[in-house]
Amino acid sequence: MRLVQTLVVRDEIDLIDDHICYHRRAGVDHFLVTDNGSVDGTRERLQHYADLGWLDLTSRPAHEFAQYRWVTQMARDAYQRLGADWVIHADADEFFVSPEHDLKQSLAAVDAAIQAVEVQRHDFVLTSYRPRGSVRDMVVRKTRSTDYQGRPLKPKVVHRGRPDIAVAQGNHDVNLPASARQPWSRLEILHYPVRSYRQFQSKVTHGGNGYGASRDPRLAAHGGHKRRWYDLLRRGLLGQEFQRHLFDAEEVSELLASGWLVEDRRMVDFLAEAPDHPSGTQGSVPEFGSVLPDQPDLSDQRHQPDS
C-alpha cells in the first residue's frame, strides 16, 4: 500500500516538525505540501524535508486562499504521479492516529467496495498550568468536540487514490456519494487548534484576511468560525474569545470528573519516545508556540464550556 498525505500550511513553526515526523513514522510514504506564504520559518523547515526526499513543496502567495483547488490538485497528483492507494488531507494541527500508530494497517482493513472513510476529530484544550502551548504538552481533550455554534465537528474524509477526486474547501469532504463511504473508528484525528494567544491571533488574522480578500464565490459559504473570530479581532474582543479556550487546573479537574474532558496521552507519549527529528529540533518549542506573557490578562473571566 502507498499512502500519501496533502498539507496546506502557513506559519506553523511550533509543530511542523512533529507533524511531518509523526505521520512519516505512522506510515505516510510521501507528503505533498503547499506553503501559503509562511514567514516564521515553516517554509524553511519544509524545504529541509523536501531536500531529504520526504515531500514535494509548492509555494503560494499569502494573498491567495484557494485551498480547495490546491488540495484537489495535490490529491490527483498523489494518485496519478505517486501511485497513492490512499490519500489523507490534513491540517498542520491535526494528527491522524490508529491502534499501534499504524495508519496503513487500519486502512488495509477497509472493505474493497468502500472508496472513502470518515474520521472523527478530537479537540485538545490549552491549560494554564502546562503553558508551553506544544503538542508535546497538551494531554486533555474534549469528549465531544463541537464547532463555534455547538454542533458536533464534521468528520474528515480519507479516500482511495482516484484521478477524478475533488476536495471541498476545508479538506473535510470529497465528491463521493454516501454509498461509497463509511465511518471508520479505527482512525481518529487528534486536533490542537489553540496552542497560544499569539498562535491563535496569527491563525485568525491569516484566515480572516484570506477569506476577506477572496473573490471566489465558492468560498462564500465557508470559514464561518474564522470570519467570526476575525470580526472579534477587529473589534478588540479576541482576547475574550481566547479565554474560552484556556482552562485552569480547577476547571480541568471539574470537567474531567464530569466527563466533559478526558486525559489522552497518546501523542505526548509517542513523541517522547520518537527518535530525533532530522532537523535537530526534537522537543523544542519556539517562542511562537508558547503561552506568552503578552497575552491579555483575562483571569477574572472564567471559561464556560460550550452547550
Protein backbone atom coordinates (compact mmCIF):
# COMPACT_ATOMS: atom_id res chain seq x y z
CA MET A 1 0.00 0.00 0.00
CA ARG A 2 1.17 3.51 -0.81
CA LEU A 3 -0.11 6.26 1.49
CA VAL A 4 0.23 9.95 0.56
CA GLN A 5 -0.72 12.96 2.66
CA THR A 6 -1.52 16.50 1.49
CA LEU A 7 -0.98 19.57 3.62
CA VAL A 8 -1.60 23.32 3.26
CA VAL A 9 0.31 25.32 5.86
CA ARG A 10 1.02 28.89 6.94
CA ASP A 11 3.15 29.85 9.94
CA GLU A 12 3.06 26.56 11.89
CA ILE A 13 6.66 26.59 13.14
CA ASP A 14 5.75 25.31 16.61
CA LEU A 15 4.52 21.92 15.39
CA ILE A 16 5.52 21.32 11.77
CA ASP A 17 8.47 19.07 12.67
CA ASP A 18 6.36 16.91 14.97
CA HIS A 19 3.60 16.73 12.35
CA ILE A 20 5.82 15.57 9.50
CA CYS A 21 7.93 13.17 11.55
CA TYR A 22 4.96 11.63 13.38
CA HIS A 23 3.00 10.89 10.20
CA ARG A 24 6.05 9.51 8.46
CA ARG A 25 6.63 7.08 11.34
CA ALA A 26 2.91 6.22 11.31
CA GLY A 27 3.05 5.10 7.68
CA VAL A 28 2.85 8.07 5.29
CA ASP A 29 5.13 7.39 2.33
CA HIS A 30 5.20 10.89 0.89
CA PHE A 31 3.80 14.36 1.53
CA LEU A 32 2.53 16.93 -0.96
CA VAL A 33 2.71 20.31 0.77
CA THR A 34 1.58 23.79 -0.23
CA ASP A 35 3.03 26.64 1.82
CA ASN A 36 0.67 29.62 1.76
CA GLY A 37 3.10 32.47 2.49
CA SER A 38 4.76 31.43 5.77
CA VAL A 39 7.15 33.99 7.28
CA ASP A 40 8.01 32.31 10.60
CA GLY A 41 10.46 29.67 9.33
CA THR A 42 7.88 27.00 8.46
CA ARG A 43 8.78 27.02 4.78
CA GLU A 44 12.48 26.62 5.56
CA ARG A 45 11.75 23.60 7.76
CA LEU A 46 9.62 22.09 5.00
CA GLN A 47 12.40 22.67 2.48
CA HIS A 48 14.69 20.61 4.72
CA TYR A 49 12.30 17.65 4.46
CA ALA A 50 11.94 18.23 0.73
CA ASP A 51 15.74 18.00 0.44
CA LEU A 52 15.55 14.65 2.24
CA GLY A 53 13.05 13.42 -0.36
CA TRP A 54 10.16 13.16 2.12
CA LEU A 55 7.91 15.71 0.46
CA ASP A 56 7.22 17.89 -2.56
CA LEU A 57 6.88 21.57 -1.65
CA THR A 58 4.92 24.20 -3.57
CA SER A 59 4.61 27.86 -2.60
CA ARG A 60 1.52 30.03 -2.99
CA PRO A 61 1.35 33.76 -2.17
CA ALA A 62 -0.20 34.84 1.10
CA HIS A 63 -2.97 36.85 -0.56
CA GLU A 64 -4.43 33.71 -2.17
CA PHE A 65 -6.54 31.14 -0.30
CA ALA A 66 -7.86 28.73 -2.91
CA GLN A 67 -7.41 25.76 -0.63
CA TYR A 68 -9.90 23.50 -2.40
CA ARG A 69 -8.15 23.97 -5.75
CA TRP A 70 -4.70 23.36 -4.32
CA VAL A 71 -5.72 20.26 -2.37
CA THR A 72 -7.71 18.82 -5.27
CA GLN A 73 -4.64 19.16 -7.50
CA MET A 74 -2.43 17.55 -4.86
CA ALA A 75 -4.93 14.72 -4.39
CA ARG A 76 -4.97 13.96 -8.09
CA ASP A 77 -1.21 14.25 -8.26
CA ALA A 78 -0.93 11.79 -5.38
CA TYR A 79 -2.73 9.18 -7.46
CA GLN A 80 -1.51 9.96 -10.97
CA ARG A 81 2.15 10.67 -10.23
CA LEU A 82 2.83 8.93 -6.94
CA GLY A 83 0.51 5.94 -7.28
CA ALA A 84 -1.30 6.53 -3.98
CA ASP A 85 -3.68 3.81 -2.83
CA TRP A 86 -5.00 6.08 -0.06
CA VAL A 87 -4.80 9.85 0.44
CA ILE A 88 -5.03 11.78 3.72
CA HIS A 89 -5.81 15.51 3.77
CA ALA A 90 -4.56 17.09 6.98
CA ASP A 91 -4.11 20.49 8.54
CA ALA A 92 -0.85 21.05 10.40
CA ASP A 93 -2.65 20.93 13.77
CA GLU A 94 -4.26 17.55 13.02
CA PHE A 95 -2.57 14.24 13.85
CA PHE A 96 -4.12 11.06 12.44
CA VAL A 97 -3.84 8.15 14.86
CA SER A 98 -4.73 4.47 14.79
CA PRO A 99 -4.08 1.44 17.01
CA GLU A 100 -0.32 0.96 17.31
CA HIS A 101 0.10 4.18 15.28
CA ASP A 102 -0.05 2.19 12.04
CA LEU A 103 -2.22 4.07 9.53
CA LYS A 104 -1.70 1.54 6.74
CA GLN A 105 -2.84 -1.36 8.89
CA SER A 106 -6.06 0.47 9.70
CA LEU A 107 -6.77 1.36 6.08
CA ALA A 108 -5.96 -2.13 4.86
CA ALA A 109 -8.98 -3.37 6.82
CA VAL A 110 -11.44 -1.21 4.82
CA ASP A 111 -13.78 -3.20 2.57
CA ALA A 112 -12.71 -3.06 -1.08
CA ALA A 113 -16.09 -1.60 -2.12
CA ILE A 114 -15.61 1.44 0.14
CA GLN A 115 -13.90 4.40 -1.53
CA ALA A 116 -13.59 6.69 1.50
CA VAL A 117 -13.78 6.60 5.28
CA GLU A 118 -15.00 9.33 7.64
CA VAL A 119 -12.71 10.08 10.58
CA GLN A 120 -13.76 11.90 13.76
CA ARG A 121 -11.76 14.78 15.28
CA HIS A 122 -11.00 15.33 18.96
CA ASP A 123 -10.10 18.86 20.13
CA PHE A 124 -7.36 19.19 22.74
CA VAL A 125 -7.51 22.13 25.11
CA LEU A 126 -4.87 24.55 26.33
CA THR A 127 -4.24 24.64 30.08
CA SER A 128 -2.75 27.49 32.09
CA TYR A 129 -0.74 25.11 34.29
CA ARG A 130 1.00 23.35 31.36
CA PRO A 131 1.74 26.54 29.48
CA ARG A 132 4.26 25.59 26.77
CA GLY A 133 1.49 25.53 24.17
CA SER A 134 3.03 22.49 22.49
CA VAL A 135 1.54 19.28 21.13
CA ARG A 136 4.07 17.65 23.46
CA ASP A 137 2.46 19.33 26.46
CA MET A 138 -1.29 19.06 25.77
CA VAL A 139 -2.86 15.99 27.39
CA VAL A 140 -6.57 16.73 27.89
CA ARG A 141 -9.24 16.87 25.21
CA LYS A 142 -12.96 17.23 24.87
CA THR A 143 -15.03 14.05 24.82
CA ARG A 144 -17.47 15.75 22.45
CA SER A 145 -15.86 18.30 20.16
CA THR A 146 -18.11 20.97 18.68
CA ASP A 147 -17.90 23.96 16.36
CA TYR A 148 -18.48 27.56 17.46
CA GLN A 149 -22.25 27.02 17.17
CA GLY A 150 -22.19 23.96 19.43
CA ARG A 151 -22.68 21.43 16.62
CA PRO A 152 -20.59 18.24 16.54
CA LEU A 153 -17.47 18.67 14.46
CA LYS A 154 -17.80 17.24 10.98
CA PRO A 155 -15.56 14.26 10.27
CA LYS A 156 -12.79 14.42 7.70
CA VAL A 157 -12.62 12.07 4.73
CA VAL A 158 -9.70 9.80 3.87
CA HIS A 159 -10.11 8.36 0.38
CA ARG A 160 -8.65 5.89 -2.05
CA GLY A 161 -6.50 7.35 -4.82
CA ARG A 162 -8.60 8.46 -7.79
CA PRO A 163 -7.91 10.56 -10.91
CA ASP A 164 -11.23 12.42 -10.66
CA ILE A 165 -11.29 13.28 -6.96
CA ALA A 166 -12.36 16.78 -5.91
CA VAL A 167 -11.77 18.07 -2.39
CA ALA A 168 -14.02 20.69 -0.81
CA GLN A 169 -12.78 23.85 0.91
CA GLY A 170 -11.64 22.96 4.42
CA ASN A 171 -10.46 19.45 3.44
CA HIS A 172 -13.48 17.83 5.07
CA ASP A 173 -15.33 16.34 2.11
CA VAL A 174 -14.85 14.91 -1.38
CA ASN A 175 -17.06 14.23 -4.39
CA LEU A 176 -18.03 10.69 -3.46
CA PRO A 177 -21.59 9.52 -2.66
CA ALA A 178 -22.63 8.32 0.78
CA SER A 179 -22.89 4.78 -0.55
CA ALA A 180 -19.13 4.78 -1.27
CA ARG A 181 -18.03 5.83 2.23
CA GLN A 182 -18.42 4.77 5.83
CA PRO A 183 -17.47 5.95 9.33
CA TRP A 184 -14.18 4.42 10.42
CA SER A 185 -13.43 4.20 14.13
CA ARG A 186 -10.02 2.64 13.58
CA LEU A 187 -8.74 6.10 12.66
CA GLU A 188 -9.04 9.25 14.78
CA ILE A 189 -7.77 12.80 14.47
CA LEU A 190 -6.14 14.50 17.45
CA HIS A 191 -6.66 18.22 16.88
CA TYR A 192 -4.69 21.07 18.52
CA PRO A 193 -6.36 24.25 17.24
CA VAL A 194 -5.39 26.69 20.03
CA ARG A 195 -1.84 26.50 21.40
CA SER A 196 -1.06 30.07 22.50
CA TYR A 197 -2.57 33.53 22.24
CA ARG A 198 -0.04 34.63 19.64
CA GLN A 199 -0.59 31.48 17.55
CA PHE A 200 -4.36 31.93 17.85
CA GLN A 201 -4.14 35.59 16.82
CA SER A 202 -1.95 34.68 13.85
CA LYS A 203 -4.36 31.94 12.79
CA VAL A 204 -7.33 34.29 13.00
CA THR A 205 -5.55 37.07 11.12
CA HIS A 206 -4.44 34.81 8.27
CA GLY A 207 -7.83 33.12 7.98
CA GLY A 208 -9.78 36.37 8.09
CA ASN A 209 -7.54 38.09 5.58
CA GLY A 210 -7.65 35.08 3.26
CA TYR A 211 -11.43 34.83 3.17
CA GLY A 212 -11.86 38.59 3.14
CA ALA A 213 -9.61 39.07 0.11
CA SER A 214 -11.10 36.20 -1.89
CA ARG A 215 -13.39 36.93 -4.80
CA ASP A 216 -14.12 33.24 -5.33
CA PRO A 217 -17.91 32.71 -4.93
CA ARG A 218 -17.31 29.10 -3.90
CA LEU A 219 -15.75 30.32 -0.65
CA ALA A 220 -18.71 32.46 0.42
CA ALA A 221 -20.30 29.65 2.45
CA HIS A 222 -17.06 28.53 4.11
CA GLY A 223 -14.92 29.64 7.03
CA GLY A 224 -17.72 30.74 9.34
CA HIS A 225 -15.67 30.35 12.52
CA LYS A 226 -12.66 32.14 11.03
CA ARG A 227 -14.85 35.01 9.84
CA ARG A 228 -16.43 35.27 13.30
CA TRP A 229 -13.03 35.26 15.03
CA TYR A 230 -11.70 37.86 12.61
CA ASP A 231 -14.63 40.12 13.41
CA LEU A 232 -13.83 39.74 17.12
CA LEU A 233 -10.18 40.60 16.42
CA ARG A 234 -11.17 43.76 14.57
CA ARG A 235 -13.42 44.77 17.46
CA GLY A 236 -10.71 44.14 20.06
CA LEU A 237 -12.53 41.14 21.57
CA LEU A 238 -10.27 38.25 20.51
CA GLY A 239 -8.69 38.06 23.96
CA GLN A 240 -12.06 37.22 25.50
CA GLU A 241 -12.59 34.53 22.87
CA PHE A 242 -9.15 33.10 23.64
CA GLN A 243 -10.06 32.85 27.32
CA ARG A 244 -12.88 30.47 26.39
CA HIS A 245 -10.21 28.07 25.13
CA LEU A 246 -7.89 28.34 28.16
CA PHE A 247 -8.51 26.12 31.19
CA ASP A 248 -7.02 26.34 34.69
CA ALA A 249 -6.35 23.39 37.00
CA GLU A 250 -9.64 23.71 38.89
CA GLU A 251 -11.67 23.78 35.70
CA VAL A 252 -9.85 20.77 34.28
CA SER A 253 -10.40 18.78 37.47
CA GLU A 254 -14.12 19.56 37.46
CA LEU A 255 -14.55 18.83 33.75
CA LEU A 256 -12.61 15.57 33.97
CA ALA A 257 -14.89 14.48 36.81
CA SER A 258 -17.99 15.37 34.79
CA GLY A 259 -16.76 13.56 31.70
CA TRP A 260 -16.63 16.74 29.57
CA LEU A 261 -12.85 16.34 29.32
CA VAL A 262 -10.68 13.22 29.20
CA GLU A 263 -6.94 12.72 29.52
CA ASP A 264 -5.33 11.46 26.32
CA ARG A 265 -1.56 10.99 26.34
CA ARG A 266 -1.22 9.07 23.07
CA MET A 267 0.57 11.77 21.15
CA VAL A 268 2.65 13.04 24.08
CA ASP A 269 3.91 9.52 24.85
CA PHE A 270 4.55 8.68 21.20
CA LEU A 271 6.56 11.85 20.59
CA ALA A 272 8.52 11.40 23.82
CA GLU A 273 9.74 8.01 22.57
CA ALA A 274 10.37 9.12 18.98
CA PRO A 275 13.89 9.44 17.58
CA ASP A 276 15.37 12.86 16.98
CA HIS A 277 13.97 14.91 14.12
CA PRO A 278 16.28 15.16 11.10
CA SER A 279 16.11 18.94 11.54
CA GLY A 280 17.56 18.67 15.05
CA THR A 281 14.53 20.31 16.67
CA GLN A 282 13.40 17.36 18.78
CA GLY A 283 11.25 18.60 21.67
CA SER A 284 11.96 22.26 21.05
CA VAL A 285 9.13 24.76 21.27
CA PRO A 286 9.82 28.09 19.51
CA GLU A 287 8.72 31.29 21.20
CA PHE A 288 5.84 31.49 18.73
CA GLY A 289 4.36 28.36 20.30
CA SER A 290 4.40 29.48 23.93
CA VAL A 291 1.58 30.89 26.01
CA LEU A 292 3.29 34.24 26.08
CA PRO A 293 3.27 36.82 28.88
CA ASP A 294 1.97 39.49 26.50
CA GLN A 295 -1.38 37.75 26.08
CA PRO A 296 -4.28 39.73 27.56
CA ASP A 297 -4.91 39.41 31.30
CA LEU A 298 -8.40 37.94 31.46
CA SER A 299 -8.04 35.96 34.68
CA ASP A 300 -11.33 37.28 36.00
CA GLN A 301 -13.27 35.75 33.10
CA ARG A 302 -13.81 32.04 33.70
CA HIS A 303 -14.26 29.65 30.82
CA GLN A 304 -17.72 28.32 30.24
CA PRO A 305 -18.00 25.01 28.33
CA ASP A 306 -19.92 25.06 25.08
CA SER A 307 -23.53 24.00 25.49
